[in-house]
C-alpha atoms as a PDB file:
ATOM      1  CA  MET A   1     139.707 -18.828-118.896  1.00  0.00           C
ATOM      2  CA  PHE A   2     136.269 -17.824-117.576  1.00  0.00           C
ATOM      3  CA  LYS A   3     135.869 -14.790-115.376  1.00  0.00           C
ATOM      4  CA  PRO A   4     134.700 -15.459-111.779  1.00  0.00           C
ATOM      5  CA  TYR A   5     131.411 -13.572-112.196  1.00  0.00           C
ATOM      6  CA  GLN A   6     130.261 -16.098-114.763  1.00  0.00           C
ATOM      7  CA  PHE A   7     130.265 -18.914-112.204  1.00  0.00           C
ATOM      8  CA  LEU A   8     128.554 -16.689-109.638  1.00  0.00           C
ATOM      9  CA  PHE A   9     125.633 -16.168-112.031  1.00  0.00           C
ATOM     10  CA  VAL A  10     125.213 -19.943-112.361  1.00  0.00           C
ATOM     11  CA  ALA A  11     125.438 -20.452-108.588  1.00  0.00           C
ATOM     12  CA  ALA A  12     122.756 -17.832-107.989  1.00  0.00           C
ATOM     13  CA  CYS A  13     120.428 -19.578-110.417  1.00  0.00           C
ATOM     14  CA  MET A  14     120.684 -22.803-108.415  1.00  0.00           C
ATOM     15  CA  VAL A  15     118.600 -21.186-105.651  1.00  0.00           C
ATOM     16  CA  LEU A  16     116.522 -18.638-107.580  1.00  0.00           C
ATOM     17  CA  PRO A  17     113.960 -20.405-109.817  1.00  0.00           C
ATOM     18  CA  GLY A  18     112.832 -18.457-112.860  1.00  0.00           C
ATOM     19  CA  VAL A  19     115.737 -15.973-112.766  1.00  0.00           C
ATOM     20  CA  ALA A  20     117.575 -15.432-116.049  1.00  0.00           C
ATOM     21  CA  CYS A  21     121.137 -16.741-115.690  1.00  0.00           C
ATOM     22  CA  ALA A  22     124.511 -16.686-117.410  1.00  0.00           C
ATOM     23  CA  VAL A  23     126.044 -19.978-118.565  1.00  0.00           C
ATOM     24  CA  ALA A  24     129.748 -20.589-119.172  1.00  0.00           C
ATOM     25  CA  ILE A  25     130.122 -21.549-122.858  1.00  0.00           C
ATOM     26  CA  ASP A  26     133.052 -22.357-125.107  1.00  0.00           C
ATOM     27  CA  PRO A  27     131.465 -21.647-128.522  1.00  0.00           C
ATOM     28  CA  ASP A  28     133.785 -23.947-130.504  1.00  0.00           C
ATOM     29  CA  GLY A  29     134.727 -26.471-127.802  1.00  0.00           C
ATOM     30  CA  VAL A  30     138.466 -26.158-128.406  1.00  0.00           C
ATOM     31  CA  GLY A  31     139.208 -22.734-126.955  1.00  0.00           C
ATOM     32  CA  LEU A  32     139.940 -20.864-130.188  1.00  0.00           C
ATOM     33  CA  ASP A  33     136.858 -18.672-129.732  1.00  0.00           C
ATOM     34  CA  PRO A  34     136.751 -16.486-126.602  1.00  0.00           C
ATOM     35  CA  ALA A  35     134.963 -18.109-123.660  1.00  0.00           C
ATOM     36  CA  ILE A  36     131.730 -16.312-122.774  1.00  0.00           C
ATOM     37  CA  GLY A  37     128.984 -16.122-120.191  1.00  0.00           C
ATOM     38  CA  ALA A  38     125.769 -16.299-122.234  1.00  0.00           C
ATOM     39  CA  ARG A  39     122.302 -15.551-120.895  1.00  0.00           C
ATOM     40  CA  GLY A  40     120.560 -17.029-123.901  1.00  0.00           C
ATOM     41  CA  MET A  41     120.502 -17.853-127.600  1.00  0.00           C
ATOM     42  CA  ASN A  42     119.050 -16.048-130.603  1.00  0.00           C
ATOM     43  CA  TRP A  43     118.158 -18.457-133.403  1.00  0.00           C
ATOM     44  CA  THR A  44     117.733 -17.762-137.083  1.00  0.00           C
ATOM     45  CA  ALA A  45     114.285 -18.416-138.578  1.00  0.00           C
ATOM     46  CA  GLY A  46     113.636 -22.157-138.811  1.00  0.00           C
ATOM     47  CA  ASN A  47     111.002 -24.762-139.665  1.00  0.00           C
ATOM     48  CA  THR A  48     108.463 -26.977-137.905  1.00  0.00           C
ATOM     49  CA  LEU A  49     106.610 -29.869-139.580  1.00  0.00           C
ATOM     50  CA  ILE A  50     103.394 -31.162-137.971  1.00  0.00           C
ATOM     51  CA  THR A  51     102.232 -34.591-139.120  1.00  0.00           C
ATOM     52  CA  PRO A  52      99.044 -36.442-138.047  1.00  0.00           C
ATOM     53  CA  VAL A  53      99.222 -39.693-136.080  1.00  0.00           C
ATOM     54  CA  GLY A  54      96.674 -42.417-136.855  1.00  0.00           C
ATOM     55  CA  GLY A  55      93.394 -40.939-138.080  1.00  0.00           C
ATOM     56  CA  ALA A  56      94.185 -37.335-137.105  1.00  0.00           C
ATOM     57  CA  SER A  57      93.543 -34.547-139.618  1.00  0.00           C
ATOM     58  CA  ILE A  58      95.499 -31.370-140.334  1.00  0.00           C
ATOM     59  CA  PHE A  59      92.389 -29.750-141.827  1.00  0.00           C
ATOM     60  CA  ALA A  60      89.686 -30.715-139.252  1.00  0.00           C
ATOM     61  CA  HIS A  61      91.837 -31.366-136.108  1.00  0.00           C
ATOM     62  CA  PRO A  62      89.043 -32.348-133.651  1.00  0.00           C
ATOM     63  CA  VAL A  63      89.730 -32.634-129.909  1.00  0.00           C
ATOM     64  CA  GLY A  64      91.773 -35.755-129.186  1.00  0.00           C
ATOM     65  CA  ASP A  65      93.725 -35.795-132.464  1.00  0.00           C
ATOM     66  CA  VAL A  66      97.451 -36.536-131.988  1.00  0.00           C
ATOM     67  CA  PHE A  67     100.283 -35.026-134.036  1.00  0.00           C
ATOM     68  CA  GLN A  68     104.019 -35.648-134.319  1.00  0.00           C
ATOM     69  CA  SER A  69     106.157 -32.526-134.789  1.00  0.00           C
ATOM     70  CA  TYR A  70     109.722 -32.060-136.031  1.00  0.00           C
ATOM     71  CA  THR A  71     111.656 -28.799-135.852  1.00  0.00           C
ATOM     72  CA  HIS A  72     115.131 -27.433-136.639  1.00  0.00           C
ATOM     73  CA  ALA A  73     117.047 -24.143-136.712  1.00  0.00           C
ATOM     74  CA  SER A  74     120.589 -22.768-136.613  1.00  0.00           C
ATOM     75  CA  LEU A  75     121.959 -20.340-134.027  1.00  0.00           C
ATOM     76  CA  HIS A  76     122.652 -16.721-134.955  1.00  0.00           C
ATOM     77  CA  GLU A  77     124.207 -15.428-131.725  1.00  0.00           C
ATOM     78  CA  PHE A  78     124.463 -15.926-127.974  1.00  0.00           C
ATOM     79  CA  GLY A  79     122.367 -13.454-126.009  1.00  0.00           C
ATOM     80  CA  GLY A  80     123.748 -11.374-123.144  1.00  0.00           C
ATOM     81  CA  SER A  81     127.333 -11.875-124.269  1.00  0.00           C
ATOM     82  CA  SER A  82     127.866  -8.692-126.286  1.00  0.00           C
ATOM     83  CA  GLY A  83     126.124 -10.350-129.211  1.00  0.00           C
ATOM     84  CA  VAL A  84     128.769 -13.023-129.907  1.00  0.00           C
ATOM     85  CA  ASN A  85     127.932 -14.206-133.420  1.00  0.00           C
ATOM     86  CA  ILE A  86     128.125 -17.989-133.806  1.00  0.00           C
ATOM     87  CA  GLY A  87     127.601 -17.921-137.582  1.00  0.00           C
ATOM     88  CA  GLY A  88     125.248 -20.898-137.695  1.00  0.00           C
ATOM     89  CA  ARG A  89     127.766 -23.320-136.146  1.00  0.00           C
ATOM     90  CA  TRP A  90     125.265 -24.406-133.479  1.00  0.00           C
ATOM     91  CA  THR A  91     122.025 -26.089-134.604  1.00  0.00           C
ATOM     92  CA  PHE A  92     119.188 -27.939-132.944  1.00  0.00           C
ATOM     93  CA  VAL A  93     116.741 -30.652-134.012  1.00  0.00           C
ATOM     94  CA  ALA A  94     113.781 -31.885-131.983  1.00  0.00           C
ATOM     95  CA  GLY A  95     110.748 -34.155-132.175  1.00  0.00           C
ATOM     96  CA  TYR A  96     107.709 -34.486-129.906  1.00  0.00           C
ATOM     97  CA  ARG A  97     103.986 -35.333-129.835  1.00  0.00           C
ATOM     98  CA  GLU A  98     101.015 -33.092-129.121  1.00  0.00           C
ATOM     99  CA  GLN A  99      97.281 -33.684-128.725  1.00  0.00           C
ATOM    100  CA  VAL A 100      94.397 -31.336-129.571  1.00  0.00           C
ATOM    101  CA  VAL A 101      92.666 -30.132-126.377  1.00  0.00           C
ATOM    102  CA  SER A 102      90.627 -27.280-127.860  1.00  0.00           C
ATOM    103  CA  THR A 103      89.419 -26.314-131.299  1.00  0.00           C
ATOM    104  CA  LEU A 104      87.212 -23.315-132.036  1.00  0.00           C
ATOM    105  CA  GLY A 105      86.770 -22.170-135.599  1.00  0.00           C
ATOM    106  CA  ASN A 106      90.246 -21.635-137.048  1.00  0.00           C
ATOM    107  CA  ASN A 107      91.935 -21.745-133.621  1.00  0.00           C
ATOM    108  CA  VAL A 108      93.454 -24.932-132.223  1.00  0.00           C
ATOM    109  CA  VAL A 109      95.299 -25.613-128.952  1.00  0.00           C
ATOM    110  CA  LEU A 110      97.496 -28.698-128.454  1.00  0.00           C
ATOM    111  CA  ASP A 111      99.091 -30.067-125.277  1.00  0.00           C
ATOM    112  CA  THR A 112     102.471 -31.801-125.360  1.00  0.00           C
ATOM    113  CA  ILE A 113     102.140 -35.513-124.574  1.00  0.00           C
ATOM    114  CA  GLY A 114     104.474 -38.470-124.240  1.00  0.00           C
ATOM    115  CA  GLY A 115     105.325 -41.156-126.748  1.00  0.00           C
ATOM    116  CA  GLY A 116     106.209 -40.978-130.394  1.00  0.00           C
ATOM    117  CA  ASP A 117     109.541 -39.805-131.757  1.00  0.00           C
ATOM    118  CA  ASN A 118     110.741 -37.753-128.786  1.00  0.00           C
ATOM    119  CA  PHE A 119     114.177 -36.083-128.777  1.00  0.00           C
ATOM    120  CA  PHE A 120     116.043 -32.773-128.387  1.00  0.00           C
ATOM    121  CA  ARG A 121     119.631 -32.349-129.646  1.00  0.00           C
ATOM    122  CA  LEU A 122     122.166 -29.554-130.075  1.00  0.00           C
ATOM    123  CA  TYR A 123     125.036 -29.852-132.561  1.00  0.00           C
ATOM    124  CA  PHE A 124     128.238 -27.931-133.288  1.00  0.00           C
ATOM    125  CA  ASP A 125     129.543 -27.767-136.865  1.00  0.00           C
ATOM    126  CA  ALA A 126     132.932 -26.189-137.551  1.00  0.00           C
ATOM    127  CA  THR A 127     131.960 -25.894-141.246  1.00  0.00           C
ATOM    128  CA  PRO A 128     128.272 -24.902-141.040  1.00  0.00           C
ATOM    129  CA  ASN A 129     126.152 -25.798-144.039  1.00  0.00           C
ATOM    130  CA  ALA A 130     122.586 -25.855-142.720  1.00  0.00           C
ATOM    131  CA  ASN A 131     120.248 -25.314-145.677  1.00  0.00           C
ATOM    132  CA  SER A 132     116.727 -24.250-144.726  1.00  0.00           C
ATOM    133  CA  GLY A 133     115.313 -24.897-148.190  1.00  0.00           C
ATOM    134  CA  ASN A 134     116.559 -28.460-148.374  1.00  0.00           C
ATOM    135  CA  GLY A 135     116.235 -29.011-144.607  1.00  0.00           C
ATOM    136  CA  THR A 136     119.705 -30.539-144.397  1.00  0.00           C
ATOM    137  CA  GLY A 137     122.845 -29.722-142.410  1.00  0.00           C
ATOM    138  CA  TYR A 138     121.238 -29.449-138.978  1.00  0.00           C
ATOM    139  CA  GLY A 139     122.635 -32.770-137.664  1.00  0.00           C
ATOM    140  CA  PRO A 140     123.189 -35.625-137.093  1.00  0.00           C
ATOM    141  CA  PRO A 141     125.941 -36.389-139.651  1.00  0.00           C
ATOM    142  CA  ASP A 142     124.950 -37.558-143.143  1.00  0.00           C
ATOM    143  CA  ILE A 143     126.204 -37.233-146.718  1.00  0.00           C
ATOM    144  CA  THR A 144     125.180 -33.557-146.808  1.00  0.00           C
ATOM    145  CA  ASN A 145     126.963 -32.690-143.549  1.00  0.00           C
ATOM    146  CA  PRO A 146     129.585 -35.196-142.333  1.00  0.00           C
ATOM    147  CA  ASP A 147     131.168 -33.288-139.431  1.00  0.00           C
ATOM    148  CA  PRO A 148     128.610 -32.033-136.843  1.00  0.00           C
ATOM    149  CA  VAL A 149     129.333 -32.881-133.190  1.00  0.00           C
ATOM    150  CA  LEU A 150     126.535 -33.716-130.746  1.00  0.00           C
ATOM    151  CA  ILE A 151     127.043 -31.378-127.768  1.00  0.00           C
ATOM    152  CA  LEU A 152     123.766 -31.760-125.843  1.00  0.00           C
ATOM    153  CA  SER A 153     120.878 -34.227-125.953  1.00  0.00           C
ATOM    154  CA  GLY A 154     117.655 -35.008-124.139  1.00  0.00           C
ATOM    155  CA  THR A 155     113.911 -35.562-124.534  1.00  0.00           C
ATOM    156  CA  ILE A 156     110.794 -33.399-124.550  1.00  0.00           C
ATOM    157  CA  ASN A 157     108.920 -33.341-121.230  1.00  0.00           C
ATOM    158  CA  ALA A 158     105.365 -34.658-121.645  1.00  0.00           C
ATOM    159  CA  SER A 159     104.118 -33.084-118.401  1.00  0.00           C
ATOM    160  CA  THR A 160     104.251 -29.498-119.644  1.00  0.00           C
ATOM    161  CA  GLY A 161     103.957 -27.624-122.921  1.00  0.00           C
ATOM    162  CA  GLN A 162     101.247 -26.253-125.161  1.00  0.00           C
ATOM    163  CA  THR A 163     100.911 -24.859-128.688  1.00  0.00           C
ATOM    164  CA  ALA A 164      98.176 -22.583-130.055  1.00  0.00           C
ATOM    165  CA  ILE A 165      97.730 -21.879-133.775  1.00  0.00           C
ATOM    166  CA  SER A 166      95.292 -19.457-135.401  1.00  0.00           C
ATOM    167  CA  ALA A 167      94.529 -19.424-139.124  1.00  0.00           C
ATOM    168  CA  PHE A 168      93.021 -16.457-140.960  1.00  0.00           C
ATOM    169  CA  ASN A 169      90.115 -16.593-143.388  1.00  0.00           C
ATOM    170  CA  VAL A 170      92.024 -15.311-146.390  1.00  0.00           C
ATOM    171  CA  GLY A 171      92.744 -16.754-149.780  1.00  0.00           C
ATOM    172  CA  PRO A 172      95.904 -18.859-150.133  1.00  0.00           C
ATOM    173  CA  ASP A 173      99.193 -17.197-151.031  1.00  0.00           C
ATOM    174  CA  SER A 174     102.592 -18.562-152.065  1.00  0.00           C
ATOM    175  CA  LEU A 175     104.145 -20.702-149.329  1.00  0.00           C
ATOM    176  CA  ASP A 176     107.683 -19.427-149.965  1.00  0.00           C
ATOM    177  CA  LYS A 177     107.774 -15.618-149.830  1.00  0.00           C
ATOM    178  CA  SER A 178     111.385 -15.427-148.653  1.00  0.00           C
ATOM    179  CA  GLY A 179     113.368 -14.181-151.638  1.00  0.00           C
ATOM    180  CA  VAL A 180     112.983 -16.423-154.683  1.00  0.00           C
ATOM    181  CA  ASP A 181     109.976 -18.761-154.528  1.00  0.00           C
ATOM    182  CA  ASN A 182     111.627 -22.187-154.450  1.00  0.00           C
ATOM    183  CA  TYR A 183     108.242 -23.974-154.294  1.00  0.00           C
ATOM    184  CA  PRO A 184     106.276 -22.238-157.103  1.00  0.00           C
ATOM    185  CA  VAL A 185     103.478 -24.830-157.180  1.00  0.00           C
ATOM    186  CA  VAL A 186     102.850 -24.814-153.402  1.00  0.00           C
ATOM    187  CA  ASP A 187     100.553 -22.246-151.764  1.00  0.00           C
ATOM    188  CA  SER A 188      99.598 -21.832-148.102  1.00  0.00           C
ATOM    189  CA  ILE A 189      96.993 -20.555-145.686  1.00  0.00           C
ATOM    190  CA  THR A 190      97.974 -17.609-143.480  1.00  0.00           C
ATOM    191  CA  ALA A 191      98.464 -18.511-139.803  1.00  0.00           C
ATOM    192  CA  VAL A 192     100.331 -17.582-136.613  1.00  0.00           C
ATOM    193  CA  GLY A 193     100.930 -19.514-133.402  1.00  0.00           C
ATOM    194  CA  ASP A 194     102.502 -19.649-129.961  1.00  0.00           C
ATOM    195  CA  GLY A 195     103.208 -22.190-127.232  1.00  0.00           C
ATOM    196  CA  THR A 196     105.620 -23.780-124.761  1.00  0.00           C
ATOM    197  CA  LEU A 197     107.789 -26.893-124.619  1.00  0.00           C
ATOM    198  CA  ALA A 198     110.137 -28.348-122.015  1.00  0.00           C
ATOM    199  CA  ALA A 199     113.226 -30.331-122.991  1.00  0.00           C
ATOM    200  CA  ILE A 200     114.796 -32.518-120.318  1.00  0.00           C
ATOM    201  CA  ILE A 201     118.546 -32.578-120.967  1.00  0.00           C
ATOM    202  CA  GLU A 202     120.137 -35.967-120.354  1.00  0.00           C
ATOM    203  CA  SER A 203     123.759 -35.324-121.365  1.00  0.00           C
ATOM    204  CA  PHE A 204     126.093 -32.609-122.621  1.00  0.00           C
ATOM    205  CA  ASP A 205     129.680 -32.203-123.766  1.00  0.00           C
ATOM    206  CA  PRO A 206     131.736 -30.367-121.107  1.00  0.00           C
ATOM    207  CA  ALA A 207     134.052 -29.066-123.841  1.00  0.00           C
ATOM    208  CA  TYR A 208     131.217 -26.683-124.788  1.00  0.00           C
ATOM    209  CA  PHE A 209     129.763 -26.236-121.273  1.00  0.00           C
ATOM    210  CA  PRO A 210     133.023 -26.310-119.261  1.00  0.00           C
ATOM    211  CA  GLU A 211     131.460 -25.318-115.927  1.00  0.00           C
ATOM    212  CA  GLY A 212     128.622 -27.791-116.353  1.00  0.00           C
ATOM    213  CA  LEU A 213     124.853 -27.273-116.134  1.00  0.00           C
ATOM    214  CA  PRO A 214     123.432 -27.531-112.605  1.00  0.00           C
ATOM    215  CA  ILE A 215     120.558 -29.892-111.871  1.00  0.00           C
ATOM    216  CA  GLY A 216     117.281 -28.151-112.602  1.00  0.00           C
ATOM    217  CA  PHE A 217     118.801 -25.704-115.067  1.00  0.00           C
ATOM    218  CA  GLY A 218     116.636 -24.649-118.014  1.00  0.00           C
ATOM    219  CA  LEU A 219     116.623 -23.010-121.447  1.00  0.00           C
ATOM    220  CA  ASP A 220     113.442 -21.027-122.147  1.00  0.00           C
ATOM    221  CA  PHE A 221     112.748 -20.549-125.856  1.00  0.00           C
ATOM    222  CA  GLN A 222     110.309 -17.983-127.216  1.00  0.00           C
ATOM    223  CA  ILE A 223     109.385 -19.091-130.733  1.00  0.00           C
ATOM    224  CA  THR A 224     106.842 -17.614-133.131  1.00  0.00           C
ATOM    225  CA  PHE A 225     104.987 -19.726-135.686  1.00  0.00           C
ATOM    226  CA  SER A 226     103.762 -18.306-138.974  1.00  0.00           C
ATOM    227  CA  VAL A 227     102.971 -19.017-142.630  1.00  0.00           C
ATOM    228  CA  PRO A 228     103.609 -18.080-145.382  1.00  0.00           C
ATOM    229  CA  PHE A 229     107.396 -18.146-144.952  1.00  0.00           C
ATOM    230  CA  SER A 230     108.839 -14.621-145.011  1.00  0.00           C
ATOM    231  CA  GLN A 231     112.293 -14.903-143.347  1.00  0.00           C
ATOM    232  CA  THR A 232     113.592 -18.294-144.500  1.00  0.00           C
ATOM    233  CA  ASP A 233     112.781 -21.036-146.997  1.00  0.00           C
ATOM    234  CA  PRO A 234     110.362 -23.870-146.185  1.00  0.00           C
ATOM    235  CA  SER A 235     112.217 -27.150-145.703  1.00  0.00           C
ATOM    236  CA  SER A 236     112.069 -29.996-148.178  1.00  0.00           C
ATOM    237  CA  CYS A 237     113.323 -32.460-145.531  1.00  0.00           C
ATOM    238  CA  PHE A 238     113.473 -32.971-141.750  1.00  0.00           C
ATOM    239  CA  LYS A 239     115.408 -35.374-139.511  1.00  0.00           C
ATOM    240  CA  ASN A 240     113.728 -37.884-137.215  1.00  0.00           C
ATOM    241  CA  GLY A 241     115.110 -39.260-133.957  1.00  0.00           C
ATOM    242  CA  ALA A 242     116.977 -42.020-135.793  1.00  0.00           C
ATOM    243  CA  GLY A 243     118.764 -39.416-137.928  1.00  0.00           C
ATOM    244  CA  ALA A 244     116.922 -40.355-141.139  1.00  0.00           C
ATOM    245  CA  LEU A 245     115.539 -37.799-143.600  1.00  0.00           C
ATOM    246  CA  ILE A 246     111.754 -37.500-143.743  1.00  0.00           C
ATOM    247  CA  ASN A 247     109.632 -35.661-146.314  1.00  0.00           C
ATOM    248  CA  GLY A 248     108.531 -32.073-145.759  1.00  0.00           C
ATOM    249  CA  VAL A 249     107.598 -29.845-148.711  1.00  0.00           C
ATOM    250  CA  GLY A 250     109.510 -32.111-151.098  1.00  0.00           C
ATOM    251  CA  PRO A 251     110.936 -31.145-154.514  1.00  0.00           C
ATOM    252  CA  ASN A 252     112.151 -27.565-154.959  1.00  0.00           C
ATOM    253  CA  THR A 253     114.148 -25.430-157.387  1.00  0.00           C
ATOM    254  CA  LEU A 254     117.316 -25.383-155.247  1.00  0.00           C
ATOM    255  CA  ASP A 255     120.480 -27.254-156.141  1.00  0.00           C
ATOM    256  CA  GLY A 256     121.393 -30.091-153.800  1.00  0.00           C
ATOM    257  CA  LEU A 257     119.671 -32.886-151.918  1.00  0.00           C
ATOM    258  CA  GLU A 258     115.947 -32.577-151.287  1.00  0.00           C
ATOM    259  CA  CYS A 259     113.244 -35.076-150.372  1.00  0.00           C
ATOM    260  CA  SER A 260     111.155 -36.432-153.225  1.00  0.00           C
ATOM    261  CA  VAL A 261     107.623 -36.238-151.777  1.00  0.00           C
ATOM    262  CA  ASN A 262     105.574 -33.111-151.033  1.00  0.00           C
ATOM    263  CA  THR A 263     103.608 -33.891-147.843  1.00  0.00           C
ATOM    264  CA  VAL A 264     101.928 -30.460-147.408  1.00  0.00           C
ATOM    265  CA  GLY A 265      99.911 -30.596-150.650  1.00  0.00           C
ATOM    266  CA  ASN A 266      99.072 -27.877-153.126  1.00  0.00           C
ATOM    267  CA  ILE A 267      97.847 -25.594-150.300  1.00  0.00           C
ATOM    268  CA  ASN A 268      99.698 -25.975-147.006  1.00  0.00           C
ATOM    269  CA  GLY A 269      97.105 -26.379-144.229  1.00  0.00           C
ATOM    270  CA  ILE A 270      94.268 -27.368-146.583  1.00  0.00           C
ATOM    271  CA  ASP A 271      94.851 -30.393-148.801  1.00  0.00           C
ATOM    272  CA  GLY A 272      98.120 -31.939-147.642  1.00  0.00           C
ATOM    273  CA  THR A 273      98.808 -34.631-145.080  1.00  0.00           C
ATOM    274  CA  ASN A 274     101.197 -32.407-143.080  1.00  0.00           C
ATOM    275  CA  LEU A 275     101.425 -28.748-142.043  1.00  0.00           C
ATOM    276  CA  ILE A 276     104.668 -26.742-142.201  1.00  0.00           C
ATOM    277  CA  LEU A 277     105.281 -23.550-140.203  1.00  0.00           C
ATOM    278  CA  MET A 278     108.070 -20.986-140.030  1.00  0.00           C
ATOM    279  CA  THR A 279     109.563 -20.528-136.550  1.00  0.00           C
ATOM    280  CA  ASP A 280     111.598 -17.658-135.115  1.00  0.00           C
ATOM    281  CA  ALA A 281     113.231 -18.207-131.725  1.00  0.00           C
ATOM    282  CA  SER A 282     115.190 -16.642-128.922  1.00  0.00           C
ATOM    283  CA  ALA A 283     116.023 -18.219-125.566  1.00  0.00           C
ATOM    284  CA  LEU A 284     117.034 -17.478-121.975  1.00  0.00           C
ATOM    285  CA  PHE A 285     118.819 -19.754-119.505  1.00  0.00           C
ATOM    286  CA  THR A 286     116.831 -20.142-116.266  1.00  0.00           C
ATOM    287  CA  GLN A 287     116.507 -22.318-113.181  1.00  0.00           C
ATOM    288  CA  VAL A 288     113.291 -24.347-113.008  1.00  0.00           C
ATOM    289  CA  THR A 289     111.426 -25.399-109.869  1.00  0.00           C
ATOM    290  CA  THR A 290     110.977 -29.128-110.524  1.00  0.00           C
ATOM    291  CA  VAL A 291     114.150 -31.184-110.918  1.00  0.00           C
ATOM    292  CA  PRO A 292     114.818 -34.866-111.727  1.00  0.00           C
ATOM    293  CA  GLU A 293     116.635 -37.376-109.566  1.00  0.00           C
ATOM    294  CA  PRO A 294     120.267 -36.356-108.833  1.00  0.00           C
ATOM    295  CA  MET A 295     122.850 -37.226-111.481  1.00  0.00           C
ATOM    296  CA  PRO A 296     126.517 -36.248-111.898  1.00  0.00           C
ATOM    297  CA  LEU A 297     126.634 -32.467-112.258  1.00  0.00           C
ATOM    298  CA  ALA A 298     128.884 -32.520-115.306  1.00  0.00           C
ATOM    299  CA  LEU A 299     126.510 -34.858-117.171  1.00  0.00           C
ATOM    300  CA  LEU A 300     123.080 -33.396-116.506  1.00  0.00           C
ATOM    301  CA  GLY A 301     121.085 -30.318-117.445  1.00  0.00           C
ATOM    302  CA  VAL A 302     117.389 -29.514-117.649  1.00  0.00           C
ATOM    303  CA  GLY A 303     116.133 -27.257-120.442  1.00  0.00           C
ATOM    304  CA  LEU A 304     112.842 -25.520-121.037  1.00  0.00           C
ATOM    305  CA  VAL A 305     111.729 -24.737-124.573  1.00  0.00           C
ATOM    306  CA  ALA A 306     108.957 -22.171-124.839  1.00  0.00           C
ATOM    307  CA  MET A 307     107.409 -21.264-128.175  1.00  0.00           C
ATOM    308  CA  GLY A 308     105.403 -18.061-128.165  1.00  0.00           C
ATOM    309  CA  THR A 309     103.893 -15.248-130.185  1.00  0.00           C
ATOM    310  CA  GLY A 310     103.148 -12.319-127.903  1.00  0.00           C
ATOM    311  CA  LYS A 311     102.153 -14.138-124.695  1.00  0.00           C
ATOM    312  CA  TRP A 312     102.892 -17.739-123.667  1.00  0.00           C
ATOM    313  CA  ARG A 313     100.289 -20.405-122.985  1.00  0.00           C
ATOM    314  CA  ARG A 314     101.018 -23.064-120.375  1.00  0.00           C
ATOM    315  CA  LYS A 315      99.061 -26.032-119.097  1.00  0.00           C
ATOM    316  CA  GLY A 316      96.693 -25.028-116.362  1.00  0.00           C
END
């Protein structure tokens, strides 16, 4: 059973926008793990793939270019709950579009826009097998991971969100610098980035959120972007909104399923179609000021996803 203070935190957040809140969570959905009041989530290092739409260019990226992004990661622990370790059993996948609004030298800023392959989903897996190198096991179910459960879903809000990426004028280095180089023929530029995203949650499983998520509730992510990869392997594959595998870095030296086409080229950020970035995220639950039309409390939540290195950038 949940302690009374956990509900009081949630109630306070319903009237105090921007305040960090505790959320009642059952980590495994069946009550075997202790119920907790979590203020946030700390994710393991993950991956983001940025792919041009139409005539857009990863290398030149003039103002107006549009890109489709895909991202995934697994959860390390819940924040504010005495560091409850989830052991990778929670994962997320997301897709969204962005458009270049500023480009100056090696610095580019993109605003989140509508359209494209737009989704945000959280999964629970009792037998976690997310594989960063192959990019599999993050959900939805497939031959590499047959048992994940969808516990929360929604879309990315096109009215807010921004990403800024800065590349450095240095010679290319190995893309995969996390342990063994599993992509020995792929190099990369050096870059870092930051930004914000907002995910509008449309449904959730009350087995994992037993006290519900109040209307207007949010999840603020702080995520750093960087290359080369230093904390996890670059992903061979990603999942789109239909649950199908799409090509990332392609063939690698790992055992298991990987995608067959390298889309980032010989030098990631220079001669490939796509750009891949390492992400490192943490998150806080908050109440946001703008809420959608009323829906049943047990079926609705609103999440904010903020990706940042140092300070956040938001639309003016």
